[in-house]
Protein backbone atom coordinates (compact mmCIF):
# COMPACT_ATOMS: atom_id res chain seq x y z
CA MET A 1 89.48 41.67 24.06
CA PRO A 2 92.39 43.80 22.70
CA ALA A 3 95.39 44.37 24.98
CA GLY A 4 95.04 47.52 27.05
CA TYR A 5 91.29 47.71 26.51
CA ASP A 6 89.10 48.14 29.56
CA GLY A 7 85.50 49.19 29.49
CA ILE A 8 82.50 49.12 27.20
CA THR A 9 81.78 50.66 23.83
CA ARG A 10 78.64 52.43 22.77
CA PRO A 11 77.65 54.49 19.75
CA LEU A 12 78.30 58.21 20.08
CA ASP A 13 75.20 60.34 19.60
CA PRO A 14 76.00 62.63 16.60
CA ARG A 15 74.15 65.55 18.22
CA ARG A 16 76.35 65.25 21.31
CA ALA A 17 79.50 64.94 19.19
CA ASN A 18 78.58 68.07 17.21
CA ALA A 19 77.78 70.02 20.38
CA ASP A 20 81.11 69.02 21.96
CA ALA A 21 83.01 69.95 18.78
CA ALA A 22 81.26 73.33 18.60
CA LYS A 23 82.10 74.02 22.25
CA THR A 24 85.76 73.15 21.62
CA VAL A 25 85.91 75.46 18.59
CA ARG A 26 84.28 78.32 20.53
CA THR A 27 86.77 77.85 23.37
CA ARG A 28 89.73 77.95 20.98
CA ILE A 29 88.45 81.04 19.15
CA ASN A 30 87.79 82.84 22.44
CA ARG A 31 91.35 82.03 23.58
CA VAL A 32 92.88 83.52 20.41
CA LEU A 33 90.68 86.63 20.67
CA SER A 34 91.29 87.17 24.39
CA GLN A 35 95.06 86.93 23.86
CA LYS A 36 94.74 89.60 21.13
CA THR A 37 97.08 87.67 18.84
CA LEU A 38 95.27 88.62 15.61
CA GLN A 39 95.94 91.90 13.83
CA PRO A 40 94.28 93.13 10.62
CA TRP A 41 96.41 94.70 7.89
CA PHE A 42 95.21 96.37 4.71
CA GLN A 43 97.30 96.41 1.54
CA PRO A 44 96.34 98.86 -1.20
CA ILE A 45 95.55 97.60 -4.68
CA ARG A 46 96.71 100.11 -7.28
CA CYS A 47 95.96 100.62 -10.93
CA LEU A 48 99.20 99.85 -12.81
CA ASN A 49 98.53 102.59 -15.37
CA THR A 50 97.76 105.47 -13.00
CA GLY A 51 98.97 104.37 -9.57
CA THR A 52 95.54 105.20 -8.17
CA VAL A 53 94.37 103.09 -5.26
CA ILE A 54 91.37 101.12 -6.54
CA GLY A 55 90.84 98.75 -3.63
CA ALA A 56 92.43 97.01 -0.69
CA GLU A 57 93.33 93.49 0.30
CA ALA A 58 92.58 92.64 3.92
CA LEU A 59 95.00 90.34 5.71
CA THR A 60 94.91 88.96 9.23
CA LEU A 61 98.24 88.20 10.83
CA GLY A 62 98.87 86.44 14.10
CA PHE A 63 101.44 87.74 16.55
CA THR A 64 103.12 86.47 19.67
CA GLY A 65 105.01 89.42 21.06
CA LYS A 66 106.75 90.84 17.98
CA THR A 67 106.88 87.55 16.08
CA VAL A 68 104.52 87.04 13.12
CA ARG A 69 102.87 83.62 13.19
CA GLN A 70 101.77 81.53 10.21
CA PRO A 71 98.09 80.45 10.07
CA ARG A 72 98.95 76.84 11.03
CA SER A 73 100.91 78.10 14.03
CA MET A 74 97.99 80.33 15.05
CA ALA A 75 95.64 77.34 14.93
CA GLU A 76 98.04 75.32 17.08
CA MET A 77 98.19 78.17 19.62
CA ALA A 78 94.40 77.95 19.94
CA HIS A 79 94.57 74.29 21.00
């Protein structure tokens, strides 16, 4: 028996593992949404010849107070 090991092992039921993972993801997403740390921004896409707006790029930025957070940082906040 390996040092520090105490107990038994058994196979993990994949359905249970998937359900637990889904619950964890839902909890993390709900935390980010309830803290209102995501903010959508829209950047115009312009025709270079005319300057006419021909579309928009949608961005989602994460904020803590007035600080913009990178996507990796936002994911860590959800943990």
